[in-house]
């Protein structure tokens, strides 16, 4: 936070496939509230449904095309899913 000095924080909010809140939703809301208090920044929550699947598909396609040469790890999928969540937040701005 010190290095990047963001103006807001984007957090993925887990929902079930039917759009209802998942068992983790309440914990994520509590975590988001703590982030807002700790850093005095607004927190925006974004629906994260299927973000890991989308990220995995993107990474697999990159690997198949040769754009990515090393194997895909869970850490890679998690990082790519975070990008998907952020892209969704940007898309909601328009």
PDB file of N, CA and C in Angstrom:
ATOM      1  N   UNK A   1       0.828  -1.180   0.000  1.00  0.00           N
ATOM      2  CA  UNK A   1       0.000   0.000   0.000  1.00  0.00           C
ATOM      3  C   UNK A   1       0.881   1.255   0.000  1.00  0.00           C
ATOM      4  N   UNK A   2       1.964   1.185   0.733  1.00  0.00           N
ATOM      5  CA  UNK A   2       2.858   2.330   0.820  1.00  0.00           C
ATOM      6  C   UNK A   2       3.485   2.639  -0.543  1.00  0.00           C
ATOM      7  N   UNK A   3       3.934   1.599  -1.245  1.00  0.00           N
ATOM      8  CA  UNK A   3       4.604   1.805  -2.527  1.00  0.00           C
ATOM      9  C   UNK A   3       3.655   2.281  -3.619  1.00  0.00           C
ATOM     10  N   UNK A   4       2.471   1.665  -3.704  1.00  0.00           N
ATOM     11  CA  UNK A   4       1.552   1.958  -4.806  1.00  0.00           C
ATOM     12  C   UNK A   4       0.636   3.135  -4.518  1.00  0.00           C
ATOM     13  N   UNK A   5       0.324   3.392  -3.264  1.00  0.00           N
ATOM     14  CA  UNK A   5      -0.552   4.477  -2.837  1.00  0.00           C
ATOM     15  C   UNK A   5      -1.844   4.546  -3.658  1.00  0.00           C
ATOM     16  N   UNK A   6      -2.649   3.473  -3.594  1.00  0.00           N
ATOM     17  CA  UNK A   6      -3.897   3.456  -4.370  1.00  0.00           C
ATOM     18  C   UNK A   6      -4.927   4.431  -3.813  1.00  0.00           C
ATOM     19  N   UNK A   7      -5.902   4.779  -4.655  1.00  0.00           N
ATOM     20  CA  UNK A   7      -6.996   5.653  -4.244  1.00  0.00           C
ATOM     21  C   UNK A   7      -8.210   4.861  -3.771  1.00  0.00           C
ATOM     22  N   UNK A   8      -8.240   3.580  -4.129  1.00  0.00           N
ATOM     23  CA  UNK A   8      -9.313   2.706  -3.672  1.00  0.00           C
ATOM     24  C   UNK A   8      -8.854   1.262  -3.769  1.00  0.00           C
ATOM     25  N   UNK A   9      -9.637   0.373  -3.172  1.00  0.00           N
ATOM     26  CA  UNK A   9      -9.319  -1.049  -3.160  1.00  0.00           C
ATOM     27  C   UNK A   9     -10.472  -1.801  -3.807  1.00  0.00           C
ATOM     28  N   UNK A  10     -10.150  -2.730  -4.697  1.00  0.00           N
ATOM     29  CA  UNK A  10     -11.155  -3.569  -5.346  1.00  0.00           C
ATOM     30  C   UNK A  10     -11.020  -4.987  -4.783  1.00  0.00           C
ATOM     31  N   UNK A  11     -12.138  -5.536  -4.320  1.00  0.00           N
ATOM     32  CA  UNK A  11     -12.153  -6.868  -3.710  1.00  0.00           C
ATOM     33  C   UNK A  11     -13.190  -7.724  -4.433  1.00  0.00           C
ATOM     34  N   UNK A  12     -12.827  -8.967  -4.716  1.00  0.00           N
ATOM     35  CA  UNK A  12     -13.762  -9.902  -5.324  1.00  0.00           C
ATOM     36  C   UNK A  12     -14.731 -10.439  -4.288  1.00  0.00           C
ATOM     37  N   UNK A  13     -16.026 -10.380  -4.594  1.00  0.00           N
ATOM     38  CA  UNK A  13     -17.059 -10.874  -3.689  1.00  0.00           C
ATOM     39  C   UNK A  13     -17.603 -12.187  -4.239  1.00  0.00           C
ATOM     40  N   UNK A  14     -17.459 -13.272  -3.477  1.00  0.00           N
ATOM     41  CA  UNK A  14     -17.900 -14.576  -3.974  1.00  0.00           C
ATOM     42  C   UNK A  14     -19.414 -14.765  -3.882  1.00  0.00           C
ATOM     43  N   UNK A  15     -19.998 -15.144  -5.003  1.00  0.00           N
ATOM     44  CA  UNK A  15     -21.406 -15.494  -5.067  1.00  0.00           C
ATOM     45  C   UNK A  15     -21.534 -16.936  -5.536  1.00  0.00           C
ATOM     46  N   UNK A  16     -22.663 -17.540  -5.252  1.00  0.00           N
ATOM     47  CA  UNK A  16     -22.976 -18.850  -5.810  1.00  0.00           C
ATOM     48  C   UNK A  16     -23.362 -18.681  -7.273  1.00  0.00           C
ATOM     49  N   UNK A  17     -23.403 -19.783  -8.000  1.00  0.00           N
ATOM     50  CA  UNK A  17     -23.735 -19.742  -9.431  1.00  0.00           C
ATOM     51  C   UNK A  17     -25.092 -19.093  -9.688  1.00  0.00           C
ATOM     52  N   UNK A  18     -26.045 -19.240  -8.741  1.00  0.00           N
ATOM     53  CA  UNK A  18     -27.385 -18.669  -8.933  1.00  0.00           C
ATOM     54  C   UNK A  18     -27.466 -17.194  -8.558  1.00  0.00           C
ATOM     55  N   UNK A  19     -26.344 -16.598  -8.149  1.00  0.00           N
ATOM     56  CA  UNK A  19     -26.310 -15.182  -7.799  1.00  0.00           C
ATOM     57  C   UNK A  19     -26.516 -14.901  -6.324  1.00  0.00           C
ATOM     58  N   UNK A  20     -26.838 -15.913  -5.546  1.00  0.00           N
ATOM     59  CA  UNK A  20     -26.984 -15.714  -4.106  1.00  0.00           C
ATOM     60  C   UNK A  20     -25.596 -15.644  -3.458  1.00  0.00           C
ATOM     61  N   UNK A  21     -25.555 -15.060  -2.280  1.00  0.00           N
ATOM     62  CA  UNK A  21     -24.271 -14.935  -1.600  1.00  0.00           C
ATOM     63  C   UNK A  21     -23.785 -16.301  -1.140  1.00  0.00           C
ATOM     64  N   UNK A  22     -22.491 -16.499  -1.231  1.00  0.00           N
ATOM     65  CA  UNK A  22     -21.890 -17.768  -0.823  1.00  0.00           C
ATOM     66  C   UNK A  22     -21.578 -17.737   0.673  1.00  0.00           C
ATOM     67  N   UNK A  23     -21.111 -18.862   1.187  1.00  0.00           N
ATOM     68  CA  UNK A  23     -20.715 -18.934   2.583  1.00  0.00           C
ATOM     69  C   UNK A  23     -19.566 -17.998   2.914  1.00  0.00           C
ATOM     70  N   UNK A  24     -18.756 -17.659   1.938  1.00  0.00           N
ATOM     71  CA  UNK A  24     -17.605 -16.768   2.158  1.00  0.00           C
ATOM     72  C   UNK A  24     -17.965 -15.285   2.039  1.00  0.00           C
ATOM     73  N   UNK A  25     -19.135 -14.966   1.523  1.00  0.00           N
ATOM     74  CA  UNK A  25     -19.497 -13.566   1.272  1.00  0.00           C
ATOM     75  C   UNK A  25     -19.424 -12.709   2.531  1.00  0.00           C
ATOM     76  N   UNK A  26     -19.954 -13.209   3.638  1.00  0.00           N
ATOM     77  CA  UNK A  26     -19.941 -12.430   4.886  1.00  0.00           C
ATOM     78  C   UNK A  26     -18.510 -12.175   5.346  1.00  0.00           C
ATOM     79  N   UNK A  27     -17.643 -13.178   5.216  1.00  0.00           N
ATOM     80  CA  UNK A  27     -16.244 -13.002   5.611  1.00  0.00           C
ATOM     81  C   UNK A  27     -15.549 -11.965   4.728  1.00  0.00           C
ATOM     82  N   UNK A  28     -15.862 -11.979   3.445  1.00  0.00           N
ATOM     83  CA  UNK A  28     -15.257 -11.005   2.531  1.00  0.00           C
ATOM     84  C   UNK A  28     -15.759  -9.603   2.840  1.00  0.00           C
ATOM     85  N   UNK A  29     -17.026  -9.472   3.173  1.00  0.00           N
ATOM     86  CA  UNK A  29     -17.557  -8.153   3.551  1.00  0.00           C
ATOM     87  C   UNK A  29     -16.854  -7.633   4.818  1.00  0.00           C
ATOM     88  N   UNK A  30     -16.651  -8.501   5.795  1.00  0.00           N
ATOM     89  CA  UNK A  30     -15.948  -8.114   7.018  1.00  0.00           C
ATOM     90  C   UNK A  30     -14.513  -7.706   6.698  1.00  0.00           C
ATOM     91  N   UNK A  31     -13.847  -8.494   5.853  1.00  0.00           N
ATOM     92  CA  UNK A  31     -12.481  -8.179   5.427  1.00  0.00           C
ATOM     93  C   UNK A  31     -12.439  -6.826   4.719  1.00  0.00           C
ATOM     94  N   UNK A  32     -13.400  -6.568   3.847  1.00  0.00           N
ATOM     95  CA  UNK A  32     -13.455  -5.296   3.115  1.00  0.00           C
ATOM     96  C   UNK A  32     -13.633  -4.119   4.056  1.00  0.00           C
ATOM     97  N   UNK A  33     -14.487  -4.300   5.064  1.00  0.00           N
ATOM     98  CA  UNK A  33     -14.685  -3.238   6.055  1.00  0.00           C
ATOM     99  C   UNK A  33     -13.393  -2.957   6.822  1.00  0.00           C
ATOM    100  N   UNK A  34     -12.666  -4.015   7.153  1.00  0.00           N
ATOM    101  CA  UNK A  34     -11.392  -3.851   7.852  1.00  0.00           C
ATOM    102  C   UNK A  34     -10.377  -3.124   6.971  1.00  0.00           C
ATOM    103  N   UNK A  35     -10.316  -3.473   5.691  1.00  0.00           N
ATOM    104  CA  UNK A  35      -9.421  -2.767   4.763  1.00  0.00           C
ATOM    105  C   UNK A  35      -9.759  -1.280   4.717  1.00  0.00           C
ATOM    106  N   UNK A  36     -11.044  -0.969   4.616  1.00  0.00           N
ATOM    107  CA  UNK A  36     -11.479   0.429   4.555  1.00  0.00           C
ATOM    108  C   UNK A  36     -11.064   1.182   5.810  1.00  0.00           C
ATOM    109  N   UNK A  37     -11.231   0.548   6.975  1.00  0.00           N
ATOM    110  CA  UNK A  37     -10.835   1.198   8.233  1.00  0.00           C
ATOM    111  C   UNK A  37      -9.325   1.357   8.321  1.00  0.00           C
ATOM    112  N   UNK A  38      -8.623   0.293   8.008  1.00  0.00           N
ATOM    113  CA  UNK A  38      -7.168   0.293   8.172  1.00  0.00           C
ATOM    114  C   UNK A  38      -6.489   1.306   7.255  1.00  0.00           C
ATOM    115  N   UNK A  39      -6.946   1.395   6.022  1.00  0.00           N
ATOM    116  CA  UNK A  39      -6.257   2.246   5.044  1.00  0.00           C
ATOM    117  C   UNK A  39      -6.999   3.534   4.717  1.00  0.00           C
ATOM    118  N   UNK A  40      -8.162   3.732   5.306  1.00  0.00           N
ATOM    119  CA  UNK A  40      -8.961   4.934   5.058  1.00  0.00           C
ATOM    120  C   UNK A  40      -9.180   5.154   3.561  1.00  0.00           C
ATOM    121  N   UNK A  41      -9.522   4.058   2.886  1.00  0.00           N
ATOM    122  CA  UNK A  41      -9.788   4.104   1.446  1.00  0.00           C
ATOM    123  C   UNK A  41     -11.138   3.466   1.160  1.00  0.00           C
ATOM    124  N   UNK A  42     -11.792   3.922   0.086  1.00  0.00           N
ATOM    125  CA  UNK A  42     -13.027   3.244  -0.306  1.00  0.00           C
ATOM    126  C   UNK A  42     -12.708   1.848  -0.840  1.00  0.00           C
ATOM    127  N   UNK A  43     -13.606   0.915  -0.573  1.00  0.00           N
ATOM    128  CA  UNK A  43     -13.464  -0.455  -1.064  1.00  0.00           C
ATOM    129  C   UNK A  43     -14.651  -0.748  -1.972  1.00  0.00           C
ATOM    130  N   UNK A  44     -14.364  -1.229  -3.162  1.00  0.00           N
ATOM    131  CA  UNK A  44     -15.402  -1.611  -4.118  1.00  0.00           C
ATOM    132  C   UNK A  44     -15.379  -3.127  -4.258  1.00  0.00           C
ATOM    133  N   UNK A  45     -16.548  -3.736  -4.145  1.00  0.00           N
ATOM    134  CA  UNK A  45     -16.636  -5.185  -4.290  1.00  0.00           C
ATOM    135  C   UNK A  45     -17.199  -5.526  -5.663  1.00  0.00           C
ATOM    136  N   UNK A  46     -16.613  -6.563  -6.259  1.00  0.00           N
ATOM    137  CA  UNK A  46     -16.977  -6.983  -7.609  1.00  0.00           C
ATOM    138  C   UNK A  46     -17.311  -8.470  -7.580  1.00  0.00           C
ATOM    139  N   UNK A  47     -18.351  -8.841  -8.289  1.00  0.00           N
ATOM    140  CA  UNK A  47     -18.746 -10.243  -8.408  1.00  0.00           C
ATOM    141  C   UNK A  47     -17.582 -11.037  -8.994  1.00  0.00           C
ATOM    142  N   UNK A  48     -17.106 -12.030  -8.255  1.00  0.00           N
ATOM    143  CA  UNK A  48     -15.957 -12.791  -8.726  1.00  0.00           C
ATOM    144  C   UNK A  48     -16.329 -14.165  -9.290  1.00  0.00           C
ATOM    145  N   UNK A  49     -17.638 -14.399  -9.480  1.00  0.00           N
ATOM    146  CA  UNK A  49     -18.048 -15.703 -10.012  1.00  0.00           C
ATOM    147  C   UNK A  49     -17.301 -16.037 -11.287  1.00  0.00           C
ATOM    148  N   UNK A  50     -16.787 -17.230 -11.325  1.00  0.00           N
ATOM    149  CA  UNK A  50     -16.116 -17.812 -12.495  1.00  0.00           C
ATOM    150  C   UNK A  50     -14.824 -17.091 -12.894  1.00  0.00           C
ATOM    151  N   UNK A  51     -14.317 -16.194 -12.059  1.00  0.00           N
ATOM    152  CA  UNK A  51     -13.086 -15.484 -12.421  1.00  0.00           C
ATOM    153  C   UNK A  51     -11.901 -16.441 -12.518  1.00  0.00           C
ATOM    154  N   UNK A  52     -11.835 -17.437 -11.649  1.00  0.00           N
ATOM    155  CA  UNK A  52     -10.734 -18.404 -11.718  1.00  0.00           C
ATOM    156  C   UNK A  52     -10.840 -19.278 -12.961  1.00  0.00           C
ATOM    157  N   UNK A  53     -12.060 -19.651 -13.329  1.00  0.00           N
ATOM    158  CA  UNK A  53     -12.246 -20.439 -14.557  1.00  0.00           C
ATOM    159  C   UNK A  53     -11.844 -19.630 -15.787  1.00  0.00           C
ATOM    160  N   UNK A  54     -12.269 -18.369 -15.822  1.00  0.00           N
ATOM    161  CA  UNK A  54     -11.898 -17.503 -16.941  1.00  0.00           C
ATOM    162  C   UNK A  54     -10.385 -17.310 -17.000  1.00  0.00           C
ATOM    163  N   UNK A  55      -9.781 -17.099 -15.847  1.00  0.00           N
ATOM    164  CA  UNK A  55      -8.326 -16.915 -15.780  1.00  0.00           C
ATOM    165  C   UNK A  55      -7.613 -18.174 -16.261  1.00  0.00           C
ATOM    166  N   UNK A  56      -8.072 -19.334 -15.801  1.00  0.00           N
ATOM    167  CA  UNK A  56      -7.462 -20.596 -16.218  1.00  0.00           C
ATOM    168  C   UNK A  56      -7.580 -20.809 -17.716  1.00  0.00           C
ATOM    169  N   UNK A  57      -8.720 -20.462 -18.277  1.00  0.00           N
ATOM    170  CA  UNK A  57      -8.917 -20.585 -19.726  1.00  0.00           C
ATOM    171  C   UNK A  57      -7.978 -19.667 -20.494  1.00  0.00           C
ATOM    172  N   UNK A  58      -7.823 -18.447 -20.005  1.00  0.00           N
ATOM    173  CA  UNK A  58      -6.914 -17.506 -20.661  1.00  0.00           C
ATOM    174  C   UNK A  58      -5.476 -18.029 -20.631  1.00  0.00           C
ATOM    175  N   UNK A  59      -5.070 -18.521 -19.465  1.00  0.00           N
ATOM    176  CA  UNK A  59      -3.702 -19.018 -19.334  1.00  0.00           C
ATOM    177  C   UNK A  59      -3.490 -20.264 -20.195  1.00  0.00           C
ATOM    178  N   UNK A  60      -4.475 -21.132 -20.250  1.00  0.00           N
ATOM    179  CA  UNK A  60      -4.376 -22.329 -21.084  1.00  0.00           C
ATOM    180  C   UNK A  60      -4.262 -21.949 -22.554  1.00  0.00           C
ATOM    181  N   UNK A  61      -5.063 -20.977 -22.986  1.00  0.00           N
ATOM    182  CA  UNK A  61      -5.010 -20.523 -24.375  1.00  0.00           C
ATOM    183  C   UNK A  61      -3.644 -19.916 -24.693  1.00  0.00           C
ATOM    184  N   UNK A  62      -3.107 -19.153 -23.748  1.00  0.00           N
ATOM    185  CA  UNK A  62      -1.781 -18.553 -23.955  1.00  0.00           C
ATOM    186  C   UNK A  62      -0.721 -19.637 -24.063  1.00  0.00           C
ATOM    187  N   UNK A  63      -0.863 -20.658 -23.272  1.00  0.00           N
ATOM    188  CA  UNK A  63       0.091 -21.774 -23.316  1.00  0.00           C
ATOM    189  C   UNK A  63      -0.006 -22.526 -24.642  1.00  0.00           C
ATOM    190  N   UNK A  64      -1.239 -22.780 -25.091  1.00  0.00           N
ATOM    191  CA  UNK A  64      -1.444 -23.499 -26.346  1.00  0.00           C
ATOM    192  C   UNK A  64      -0.958 -22.707 -27.554  1.00  0.00           C
ATOM    193  N   UNK A  65      -1.061 -21.391 -27.479  1.00  0.00           N
ATOM    194  CA  UNK A  65      -0.624 -20.559 -28.598  1.00  0.00           C
ATOM    195  C   UNK A  65       0.884 -20.342 -28.619  1.00  0.00           C
ATOM    196  N   UNK A  66       1.538 -20.714 -27.521  1.00  0.00           N
ATOM    197  CA  UNK A  66       2.974 -20.507 -27.423  1.00  0.00           C
ATOM    198  C   UNK A  66       3.350 -19.175 -26.809  1.00  0.00           C
ATOM    199  N   UNK A  67       2.350 -18.344 -26.489  1.00  0.00           N
ATOM    200  CA  UNK A  67       2.625 -17.040 -25.875  1.00  0.00           C
ATOM    201  C   UNK A  67       3.140 -17.206 -24.443  1.00  0.00           C
ATOM    202  N   UNK A  68       2.823 -18.331 -23.861  1.00  0.00           N
ATOM    203  CA  UNK A  68       3.292 -18.645 -22.505  1.00  0.00           C
ATOM    204  C   UNK A  68       4.018 -19.972 -22.588  1.00  0.00           C
ATOM    205  N   UNK A  69       5.243 -20.007 -22.080  1.00  0.00           N
ATOM    206  CA  UNK A  69       6.038 -21.230 -22.207  1.00  0.00           C
ATOM    207  C   UNK A  69       6.129 -22.043 -20.927  1.00  0.00           C
ATOM    208  N   UNK A  70       6.019 -21.414 -19.781  1.00  0.00           N
ATOM    209  CA  UNK A  70       6.142 -22.189 -18.544  1.00  0.00           C
ATOM    210  C   UNK A  70       4.776 -22.705 -18.109  1.00  0.00           C
ATOM    211  N   UNK A  71       4.803 -23.726 -17.281  1.00  0.00           N
ATOM    212  CA  UNK A  71       3.555 -24.338 -16.838  1.00  0.00           C
ATOM    213  C   UNK A  71       2.746 -23.366 -15.983  1.00  0.00           C
ATOM    214  N   UNK A  72       1.455 -23.597 -15.903  1.00  0.00           N
ATOM    215  CA  UNK A  72       0.547 -22.738 -15.146  1.00  0.00           C
ATOM    216  C   UNK A  72       0.405 -23.281 -13.733  1.00  0.00           C
ATOM    217  N   UNK A  73       0.650 -22.434 -12.752  1.00  0.00           N
ATOM    218  CA  UNK A  73       0.513 -22.814 -11.346  1.00  0.00           C
ATOM    219  C   UNK A  73      -0.753 -22.193 -10.758  1.00  0.00           C
ATOM    220  N   UNK A  74      -1.115 -22.629  -9.560  1.00  0.00           N
ATOM    221  CA  UNK A  74      -2.264 -22.046  -8.876  1.00  0.00           C
ATOM    222  C   UNK A  74      -2.030 -20.556  -8.618  1.00  0.00           C
ATOM    223  N   UNK A  75      -0.819 -20.193  -8.306  1.00  0.00           N
ATOM    224  CA  UNK A  75      -0.489 -18.787  -8.091  1.00  0.00           C
ATOM    225  C   UNK A  75      -0.732 -17.978  -9.362  1.00  0.00           C
ATOM    226  N   UNK A  76      -0.381 -18.548 -10.510  1.00  0.00           N
ATOM    227  CA  UNK A  76      -0.632 -17.882 -11.794  1.00  0.00           C
ATOM    228  C   UNK A  76      -2.133 -17.673 -12.006  1.00  0.00           C
ATOM    229  N   UNK A  77      -2.913 -18.714 -11.718  1.00  0.00           N
ATOM    230  CA  UNK A  77      -4.368 -18.624 -11.891  1.00  0.00           C
ATOM    231  C   UNK A  77      -4.944 -17.586 -10.940  1.00  0.00           C
ATOM    232  N   UNK A  78      -4.486 -17.563  -9.691  1.00  0.00           N
ATOM    233  CA  UNK A  78      -4.974 -16.582  -8.722  1.00  0.00           C
ATOM    234  C   UNK A  78      -4.659 -15.155  -9.178  1.00  0.00           C
ATOM    235  N   UNK A  79      -3.452 -14.943  -9.673  1.00  0.00           N
ATOM    236  CA  UNK A  79      -3.065 -13.604 -10.148  1.00  0.00           C
ATOM    237  C   UNK A  79      -3.893 -13.203 -11.368  1.00  0.00           C
ATOM    238  N   UNK A  80      -4.101 -14.146 -12.276  1.00  0.00           N
ATOM    239  CA  UNK A  80      -4.901 -13.854 -13.471  1.00  0.00           C
ATOM    240  C   UNK A  80      -6.362 -13.613 -13.092  1.00  0.00           C
ATOM    241  N   UNK A  81      -6.866 -14.331 -12.086  1.00  0.00           N
ATOM    242  CA  UNK A  81      -8.234 -14.120 -11.621  1.00  0.00           C
ATOM    243  C   UNK A  81      -8.383 -12.717 -11.020  1.00  0.00           C
ATOM    244  N   UNK A  82      -7.365 -12.262 -10.315  1.00  0.00           N
ATOM    245  CA  UNK A  82      -7.391 -10.896  -9.778  1.00  0.00           C
ATOM    246  C   UNK A  82      -7.481  -9.885 -10.918  1.00  0.00           C
ATOM    247  N   UNK A  83      -6.790 -10.157 -12.017  1.00  0.00           N
ATOM    248  CA  UNK A  83      -6.869  -9.282 -13.190  1.00  0.00           C
ATOM    249  C   UNK A  83      -8.269  -9.293 -13.781  1.00  0.00           C
ATOM    250  N   UNK A  84      -8.894 -10.471 -13.840  1.00  0.00           N
ATOM    251  CA  UNK A  84     -10.266 -10.584 -14.347  1.00  0.00           C
ATOM    252  C   UNK A  84     -11.210  -9.748 -13.480  1.00  0.00           C
ATOM    253  N   UNK A  85     -11.066  -9.851 -12.172  1.00  0.00           N
ATOM    254  CA  UNK A  85     -11.915  -9.090 -11.249  1.00  0.00           C
ATOM    255  C   UNK A  85     -11.724  -7.592 -11.473  1.00  0.00           C
ATOM    256  N   UNK A  86     -10.491  -7.153 -11.616  1.00  0.00           N
ATOM    257  CA  UNK A  86     -10.222  -5.736 -11.857  1.00  0.00           C
ATOM    258  C   UNK A  86     -10.781  -5.293 -13.204  1.00  0.00           C
ATOM    259  N   UNK A  87     -10.656  -6.126 -14.218  1.00  0.00           N
ATOM    260  CA  UNK A  87     -11.239  -5.804 -15.532  1.00  0.00           C
ATOM    261  C   UNK A  87     -12.754  -5.640 -15.435  1.00  0.00           C
ATOM    262  N   UNK A  88     -13.387  -6.491 -14.637  1.00  0.00           N
ATOM    263  CA  UNK A  88     -14.841  -6.381 -14.444  1.00  0.00           C
ATOM    264  C   UNK A  88     -15.193  -5.060 -13.773  1.00  0.00           C
ATOM    265  N   UNK A  89     -14.380  -4.648 -12.808  1.00  0.00           N
ATOM    266  CA  UNK A  89     -14.647  -3.378 -12.132  1.00  0.00           C
ATOM    267  C   UNK A  89     -14.526  -2.229 -13.144  1.00  0.00           C
ATOM    268  N   UNK A  90     -13.476  -2.254 -13.953  1.00  0.00           N
ATOM    269  CA  UNK A  90     -13.324  -1.217 -14.979  1.00  0.00           C
ATOM    270  C   UNK A  90     -14.497  -1.229 -15.950  1.00  0.00           C
ATOM    271  N   UNK A  91     -14.949  -2.404 -16.353  1.00  0.00           N
ATOM    272  CA  UNK A  91     -16.058  -2.517 -17.295  1.00  0.00           C
ATOM    273  C   UNK A  91     -17.346  -1.939 -16.698  1.00  0.00           C
ATOM    274  N   UNK A  92     -17.530  -2.089 -15.399  1.00  0.00           N
ATOM    275  CA  UNK A  92     -18.720  -1.550 -14.734  1.00  0.00           C
ATOM    276  C   UNK A  92     -18.703  -0.021 -14.668  1.00  0.00           C
ATOM    277  N   UNK A  93     -17.526   0.587 -14.844  1.00  0.00           N
ATOM    278  CA  UNK A  93     -17.431   2.040 -14.807  1.00  0.00           C
ATOM    279  C   UNK A  93     -18.062   2.693 -16.036  1.00  0.00           C
ATOM    280  N   UNK A  94     -18.084   1.940 -17.134  1.00  0.00           N
ATOM    281  CA  UNK A  94     -18.595   2.531 -18.383  1.00  0.00           C
ATOM    282  C   UNK A  94     -20.071   2.384 -18.537  1.00  0.00           C
TER     283      UNK A  94
END
